[in-house]
Amino acid sequence: MANKIIRDELKTRGVRHWELAYELGISEQILVRWLRFELSEEHQLDMLMKIEEIAKRKERSLETERKE
């Protein structure tokens, strides 16, 4: 399966395709097409950083909700 590390990280971190696509400035459909074929290491690293940012943002949001 192409881009397994990206797919695994999305699943593990609870980040949806549409959330990553939004951060990348593309549509969800484009992201899904990109994931069909192995991406360059640079492109994968960029996506992994975006996934990390989204996951941290979601985590902070949940922590804020719990405090209220």
PDB file of N, CA and C in Angstrom:
ATOM      1  N   MET A   1       0.836  -1.178   0.000  1.00  0.00           N
ATOM      2  CA  MET A   1       0.000   0.000   0.000  1.00  0.00           C
ATOM      3  C   MET A   1       0.885   1.246   0.000  1.00  0.00           C
ATOM      4  N   ALA A   2       0.604   2.159  -0.895  1.00  0.00           N
ATOM      5  CA  ALA A   2       1.392   3.384  -1.017  1.00  0.00           C
ATOM      6  C   ALA A   2       1.160   4.306   0.176  1.00  0.00           C
ATOM      7  N   ASN A   3       2.203   4.973   0.599  1.00  0.00           N
ATOM      8  CA  ASN A   3       2.141   5.974   1.665  1.00  0.00           C
ATOM      9  C   ASN A   3       1.577   5.423   2.968  1.00  0.00           C
ATOM     10  N   LYS A   4       1.969   4.206   3.289  1.00  0.00           N
ATOM     11  CA  LYS A   4       1.461   3.540   4.491  1.00  0.00           C
ATOM     12  C   LYS A   4       1.735   4.358   5.744  1.00  0.00           C
ATOM     13  N   ILE A   5       2.887   4.981   5.831  1.00  0.00           N
ATOM     14  CA  ILE A   5       3.225   5.761   7.027  1.00  0.00           C
ATOM     15  C   ILE A   5       2.249   6.929   7.210  1.00  0.00           C
ATOM     16  N   ILE A   6       1.854   7.556   6.119  1.00  0.00           N
ATOM     17  CA  ILE A   6       0.890   8.670   6.187  1.00  0.00           C
ATOM     18  C   ILE A   6      -0.464   8.131   6.638  1.00  0.00           C
ATOM     19  N   ARG A   7      -0.907   7.072   6.026  1.00  0.00           N
ATOM     20  CA  ARG A   7      -2.206   6.475   6.368  1.00  0.00           C
ATOM     21  C   ARG A   7      -2.240   6.026   7.832  1.00  0.00           C
ATOM     22  N   ASP A   8      -1.168   5.378   8.273  1.00  0.00           N
ATOM     23  CA  ASP A   8      -1.098   4.905   9.659  1.00  0.00           C
ATOM     24  C   ASP A   8      -1.122   6.077  10.638  1.00  0.00           C
ATOM     25  N   GLU A   9      -0.387   7.120  10.317  1.00  0.00           N
ATOM     26  CA  GLU A   9      -0.327   8.282  11.200  1.00  0.00           C
ATOM     27  C   GLU A   9      -1.678   8.993  11.278  1.00  0.00           C
ATOM     28  N   LEU A  10      -2.365   9.106  10.156  1.00  0.00           N
ATOM     29  CA  LEU A  10      -3.705   9.703  10.155  1.00  0.00           C
ATOM     30  C   LEU A  10      -4.623   8.918  11.087  1.00  0.00           C
ATOM     31  N   LYS A  11      -4.582   7.608  10.970  1.00  0.00           N
ATOM     32  CA  LYS A  11      -5.455   6.752  11.781  1.00  0.00           C
ATOM     33  C   LYS A  11      -5.081   6.823  13.264  1.00  0.00           C
ATOM     34  N   THR A  12      -3.793   6.707  13.557  1.00  0.00           N
ATOM     35  CA  THR A  12      -3.312   6.719  14.936  1.00  0.00           C
ATOM     36  C   THR A  12      -3.632   8.033  15.634  1.00  0.00           C
ATOM     37  N   ARG A  13      -3.450   9.142  14.926  1.00  0.00           N
ATOM     38  CA  ARG A  13      -3.649  10.472  15.522  1.00  0.00           C
ATOM     39  C   ARG A  13      -5.089  10.951  15.470  1.00  0.00           C
ATOM     40  N   GLY A  14      -5.951  10.217  14.774  1.00  0.00           N
ATOM     41  CA  GLY A  14      -7.352  10.620  14.689  1.00  0.00           C
ATOM     42  C   GLY A  14      -7.580  11.835  13.805  1.00  0.00           C
ATOM     43  N   VAL A  15      -6.731  11.986  12.794  1.00  0.00           N
ATOM     44  CA  VAL A  15      -6.844  13.112  11.865  1.00  0.00           C
ATOM     45  C   VAL A  15      -7.560  12.625  10.611  1.00  0.00           C
ATOM     46  N   ARG A  16      -8.564  13.351  10.209  1.00  0.00           N
ATOM     47  CA  ARG A  16      -9.357  12.992   9.025  1.00  0.00           C
ATOM     48  C   ARG A  16      -8.668  13.477   7.748  1.00  0.00           C
ATOM     49  N   HIS A  17      -8.973  12.800   6.646  1.00  0.00           N
ATOM     50  CA  HIS A  17      -8.411  13.209   5.351  1.00  0.00           C
ATOM     51  C   HIS A  17      -8.725  14.667   5.053  1.00  0.00           C
ATOM     52  N   TRP A  18      -9.968  15.071   5.317  1.00  0.00           N
ATOM     53  CA  TRP A  18     -10.358  16.433   4.976  1.00  0.00           C
ATOM     54  C   TRP A  18      -9.585  17.468   5.798  1.00  0.00           C
ATOM     55  N   GLU A  19      -9.216  17.111   7.039  1.00  0.00           N
ATOM     56  CA  GLU A  19      -8.454  18.045   7.876  1.00  0.00           C
ATOM     57  C   GLU A  19      -7.046  18.251   7.313  1.00  0.00           C
ATOM     58  N   LEU A  20      -6.426  17.165   6.891  1.00  0.00           N
ATOM     59  CA  LEU A  20      -5.092  17.272   6.291  1.00  0.00           C
ATOM     60  C   LEU A  20      -5.166  18.021   4.971  1.00  0.00           C
ATOM     61  N   ALA A  21      -6.156  17.698   4.161  1.00  0.00           N
ATOM     62  CA  ALA A  21      -6.315  18.375   2.871  1.00  0.00           C
ATOM     63  C   ALA A  21      -6.479  19.883   3.070  1.00  0.00           C
ATOM     64  N   TYR A  22      -7.280  20.267   4.046  1.00  0.00           N
ATOM     65  CA  TYR A  22      -7.502  21.688   4.327  1.00  0.00           C
ATOM     66  C   TYR A  22      -6.182  22.371   4.664  1.00  0.00           C
ATOM     67  N   GLU A  23      -5.380  21.737   5.520  1.00  0.00           N
ATOM     68  CA  GLU A  23      -4.079  22.302   5.908  1.00  0.00           C
ATOM     69  C   GLU A  23      -3.122  22.411   4.716  1.00  0.00           C
ATOM     70  N   LEU A  24      -3.246  21.492   3.782  1.00  0.00           N
ATOM     71  CA  LEU A  24      -2.386  21.499   2.595  1.00  0.00           C
ATOM     72  C   LEU A  24      -2.908  22.442   1.514  1.00  0.00           C
ATOM     73  N   GLY A  25      -4.142  22.919   1.683  1.00  0.00           N
ATOM     74  CA  GLY A  25      -4.726  23.827   0.699  1.00  0.00           C
ATOM     75  C   GLY A  25      -5.233  23.123  -0.548  1.00  0.00           C
ATOM     76  N   ILE A  26      -5.651  21.871  -0.374  1.00  0.00           N
ATOM     77  CA  ILE A  26      -6.170  21.087  -1.500  1.00  0.00           C
ATOM     78  C   ILE A  26      -7.504  20.464  -1.091  1.00  0.00           C
ATOM     79  N   SER A  27      -8.198  19.880  -2.045  1.00  0.00           N
ATOM     80  CA  SER A  27      -9.452  19.205  -1.731  1.00  0.00           C
ATOM     81  C   SER A  27      -9.148  17.801  -1.202  1.00  0.00           C
ATOM     82  N   GLU A  28     -10.135  17.247  -0.512  1.00  0.00           N
ATOM     83  CA  GLU A  28      -9.993  15.887   0.008  1.00  0.00           C
ATOM     84  C   GLU A  28      -9.791  14.889  -1.133  1.00  0.00           C
ATOM     85  N   GLN A  29     -10.478  15.107  -2.243  1.00  0.00           N
ATOM     86  CA  GLN A  29     -10.353  14.198  -3.388  1.00  0.00           C
ATOM     87  C   GLN A  29      -8.927  14.190  -3.937  1.00  0.00           C
ATOM     88  N   ILE A  30      -8.310  15.358  -3.990  1.00  0.00           N
ATOM     89  CA  ILE A  30      -6.918  15.433  -4.469  1.00  0.00           C
ATOM     90  C   ILE A  30      -5.998  14.675  -3.515  1.00  0.00           C
ATOM     91  N   LEU A  31      -6.200  14.864  -2.214  1.00  0.00           N
ATOM     92  CA  LEU A  31      -5.371  14.159  -1.232  1.00  0.00           C
ATOM     93  C   LEU A  31      -5.481  12.653  -1.413  1.00  0.00           C
ATOM     94  N   VAL A  32      -6.698  12.163  -1.564  1.00  0.00           N
ATOM     95  CA  VAL A  32      -6.903  10.719  -1.734  1.00  0.00           C
ATOM     96  C   VAL A  32      -6.190  10.226  -2.996  1.00  0.00           C
ATOM     97  N   ARG A  33      -6.241  10.998  -4.052  1.00  0.00           N
ATOM     98  CA  ARG A  33      -5.529  10.614  -5.288  1.00  0.00           C
ATOM     99  C   ARG A  33      -4.023  10.587  -5.064  1.00  0.00           C
ATOM    100  N   TRP A  34      -3.501  11.599  -4.362  1.00  0.00           N
ATOM    101  CA  TRP A  34      -2.066  11.645  -4.083  1.00  0.00           C
ATOM    102  C   TRP A  34      -1.630  10.405  -3.304  1.00  0.00           C
ATOM    103  N   LEU A  35      -2.469   9.960  -2.377  1.00  0.00           N
ATOM    104  CA  LEU A  35      -2.090   8.832  -1.519  1.00  0.00           C
ATOM    105  C   LEU A  35      -2.103   7.496  -2.250  1.00  0.00           C
ATOM    106  N   ARG A  36      -2.626   7.465  -3.452  1.00  0.00           N
ATOM    107  CA  ARG A  36      -2.658   6.213  -4.222  1.00  0.00           C
ATOM    108  C   ARG A  36      -1.266   5.761  -4.660  1.00  0.00           C
ATOM    109  N   PHE A  37      -0.358   6.722  -4.861  1.00  0.00           N
ATOM    110  CA  PHE A  37       0.990   6.432  -5.345  1.00  0.00           C
ATOM    111  C   PHE A  37       2.004   6.987  -4.361  1.00  0.00           C
ATOM    112  N   GLU A  38       3.126   6.301  -4.232  1.00  0.00           N
ATOM    113  CA  GLU A  38       4.147   6.699  -3.266  1.00  0.00           C
ATOM    114  C   GLU A  38       4.620   8.126  -3.544  1.00  0.00           C
ATOM    115  N   LEU A  39       4.587   8.953  -2.505  1.00  0.00           N
ATOM    116  CA  LEU A  39       5.022  10.345  -2.613  1.00  0.00           C
ATOM    117  C   LEU A  39       6.506  10.449  -2.305  1.00  0.00           C
ATOM    118  N   SER A  40       7.089  11.573  -2.689  1.00  0.00           N
ATOM    119  CA  SER A  40       8.492  11.802  -2.373  1.00  0.00           C
ATOM    120  C   SER A  40       8.653  11.914  -0.858  1.00  0.00           C
ATOM    121  N   GLU A  41       9.846  11.673  -0.385  1.00  0.00           N
ATOM    122  CA  GLU A  41      10.114  11.750   1.051  1.00  0.00           C
ATOM    123  C   GLU A  41       9.825  13.153   1.573  1.00  0.00           C
ATOM    124  N   GLU A  42      10.180  14.155   0.801  1.00  0.00           N
ATOM    125  CA  GLU A  42       9.931  15.547   1.201  1.00  0.00           C
ATOM    126  C   GLU A  42       8.432  15.814   1.384  1.00  0.00           C
ATOM    127  N   HIS A  43       7.642  15.324   0.432  1.00  0.00           N
ATOM    128  CA  HIS A  43       6.191  15.513   0.490  1.00  0.00           C
ATOM    129  C   HIS A  43       5.604  14.760   1.690  1.00  0.00           C
ATOM    130  N   GLN A  44       6.099  13.558   1.935  1.00  0.00           N
ATOM    131  CA  GLN A  44       5.627  12.774   3.082  1.00  0.00           C
ATOM    132  C   GLN A  44       5.961  13.475   4.393  1.00  0.00           C
ATOM    133  N   LEU A  45       7.173  14.015   4.496  1.00  0.00           N
ATOM    134  CA  LEU A  45       7.574  14.717   5.721  1.00  0.00           C
ATOM    135  C   LEU A  45       6.702  15.942   5.962  1.00  0.00           C
ATOM    136  N   ASP A  46       6.369  16.657   4.896  1.00  0.00           N
ATOM    137  CA  ASP A  46       5.493  17.822   5.008  1.00  0.00           C
ATOM    138  C   ASP A  46       4.128  17.394   5.538  1.00  0.00           C
ATOM    139  N   MET A  47       3.597  16.309   5.010  1.00  0.00           N
ATOM    140  CA  MET A  47       2.300  15.813   5.466  1.00  0.00           C
ATOM    141  C   MET A  47       2.368  15.357   6.919  1.00  0.00           C
ATOM    142  N   LEU A  48       3.433  14.679   7.297  1.00  0.00           N
ATOM    143  CA  LEU A  48       3.575  14.221   8.681  1.00  0.00           C
ATOM    144  C   LEU A  48       3.632  15.395   9.652  1.00  0.00           C
ATOM    145  N   MET A  49       4.304  16.470   9.266  1.00  0.00           N
ATOM    146  CA  MET A  49       4.349  17.661  10.114  1.00  0.00           C
ATOM    147  C   MET A  49       2.966  18.278  10.257  1.00  0.00           C
ATOM    148  N   LYS A  50       2.209  18.325   9.156  1.00  0.00           N
ATOM    149  CA  LYS A  50       0.846  18.872   9.198  1.00  0.00           C
ATOM    150  C   LYS A  50      -0.048  18.005  10.085  1.00  0.00           C
ATOM    151  N   ILE A  51       0.090  16.687   9.973  1.00  0.00           N
ATOM    152  CA  ILE A  51      -0.701  15.776  10.805  1.00  0.00           C
ATOM    153  C   ILE A  51      -0.396  16.037  12.275  1.00  0.00           C
ATOM    154  N   GLU A  52       0.872  16.205  12.602  1.00  0.00           N
ATOM    155  CA  GLU A  52       1.284  16.488  13.982  1.00  0.00           C
ATOM    156  C   GLU A  52       0.656  17.790  14.475  1.00  0.00           C
ATOM    157  N   GLU A  53       0.684  18.829  13.662  1.00  0.00           N
ATOM    158  CA  GLU A  53       0.097  20.121  14.036  1.00  0.00           C
ATOM    159  C   GLU A  53      -1.402  19.987  14.301  1.00  0.00           C
ATOM    160  N   ILE A  54      -2.096  19.298  13.413  1.00  0.00           N
ATOM    161  CA  ILE A  54      -3.546  19.113  13.559  1.00  0.00           C
ATOM    162  C   ILE A  54      -3.848  18.341  14.839  1.00  0.00           C
ATOM    163  N   ALA A  55      -3.103  17.260  15.072  1.00  0.00           N
ATOM    164  CA  ALA A  55      -3.336  16.423  16.256  1.00  0.00           C
ATOM    165  C   ALA A  55      -3.105  17.224  17.536  1.00  0.00           C
ATOM    166  N   LYS A  56      -2.066  18.034  17.580  1.00  0.00           N
ATOM    167  CA  LYS A  56      -1.789  18.851  18.758  1.00  0.00           C
ATOM    168  C   LYS A  56      -2.894  19.878  18.977  1.00  0.00           C
ATOM    169  N   ARG A  57      -3.359  20.481  17.897  1.00  0.00           N
ATOM    170  CA  ARG A  57      -4.433  21.473  17.990  1.00  0.00           C
ATOM    171  C   ARG A  57      -5.708  20.826  18.537  1.00  0.00           C
ATOM    172  N   LYS A  58      -6.031  19.629  18.047  1.00  0.00           N
ATOM    173  CA  LYS A  58      -7.218  18.919  18.517  1.00  0.00           C
ATOM    174  C   LYS A  58      -7.074  18.544  19.998  1.00  0.00           C
ATOM    175  N   GLU A  59      -5.892  18.137  20.383  1.00  0.00           N
ATOM    176  CA  GLU A  59      -5.635  17.764  21.767  1.00  0.00           C
ATOM    177  C   GLU A  59      -5.806  18.971  22.697  1.00  0.00           C
ATOM    178  N   ARG A  60      -5.258  20.121  22.297  1.00  0.00           N
ATOM    179  CA  ARG A  60      -5.406  21.334  23.102  1.00  0.00           C
ATOM    180  C   ARG A  60      -6.873  21.728  23.228  1.00  0.00           C
ATOM    181  N   SER A  61      -7.613  21.577  22.144  1.00  0.00           N
ATOM    182  CA  SER A  61      -9.033  21.900  22.157  1.00  0.00           C
ATOM    183  C   SER A  61      -9.798  21.016  23.129  1.00  0.00           C
ATOM    184  N   LEU A  62      -9.476  19.737  23.147  1.00  0.00           N
ATOM    185  CA  LEU A  62     -10.125  18.809  24.068  1.00  0.00           C
ATOM    186  C   LEU A  62      -9.776  19.148  25.526  1.00  0.00           C
ATOM    187  N   GLU A  63      -8.532  19.510  25.775  1.00  0.00           N
ATOM    188  CA  GLU A  63      -8.108  19.866  27.124  1.00  0.00           C
ATOM    189  C   GLU A  63      -8.852  21.109  27.601  1.00  0.00           C
ATOM    190  N   THR A  64      -9.044  22.064  26.719  1.00  0.00           N
ATOM    191  CA  THR A  64      -9.767  23.289  27.052  1.00  0.00           C
ATOM    192  C   THR A  64     -11.223  22.966  27.382  1.00  0.00           C
ATOM    193  N   GLU A  65     -11.830  22.098  26.614  1.00  0.00           N
ATOM    194  CA  GLU A  65     -13.222  21.706  26.859  1.00  0.00           C
ATOM    195  C   GLU A  65     -13.366  21.002  28.204  1.00  0.00           C
ATOM    196  N   ARG A  66     -12.396  20.201  28.555  1.00  0.00           N
ATOM    197  CA  ARG A  66     -12.457  19.460  29.821  1.00  0.00           C
ATOM    198  C   ARG A  66     -12.355  20.394  31.029  1.00  0.00           C
ATOM    199  N   LYS A  67     -11.593  21.477  30.874  1.00  0.00           N
ATOM    200  CA  LYS A  67     -11.413  22.420  31.976  1.00  0.00           C
ATOM    201  C   LYS A  67     -12.669  23.240  32.221  1.00  0.00           C
ATOM    202  N   GLU A  68     -13.468  23.412  31.212  1.00  0.00           N
ATOM    203  CA  GLU A  68     -14.667  24.253  31.338  1.00  0.00           C
ATOM    204  C   GLU A  68     -15.796  23.562  31.970  1.00  0.00           C
TER     205      GLU A  68
END
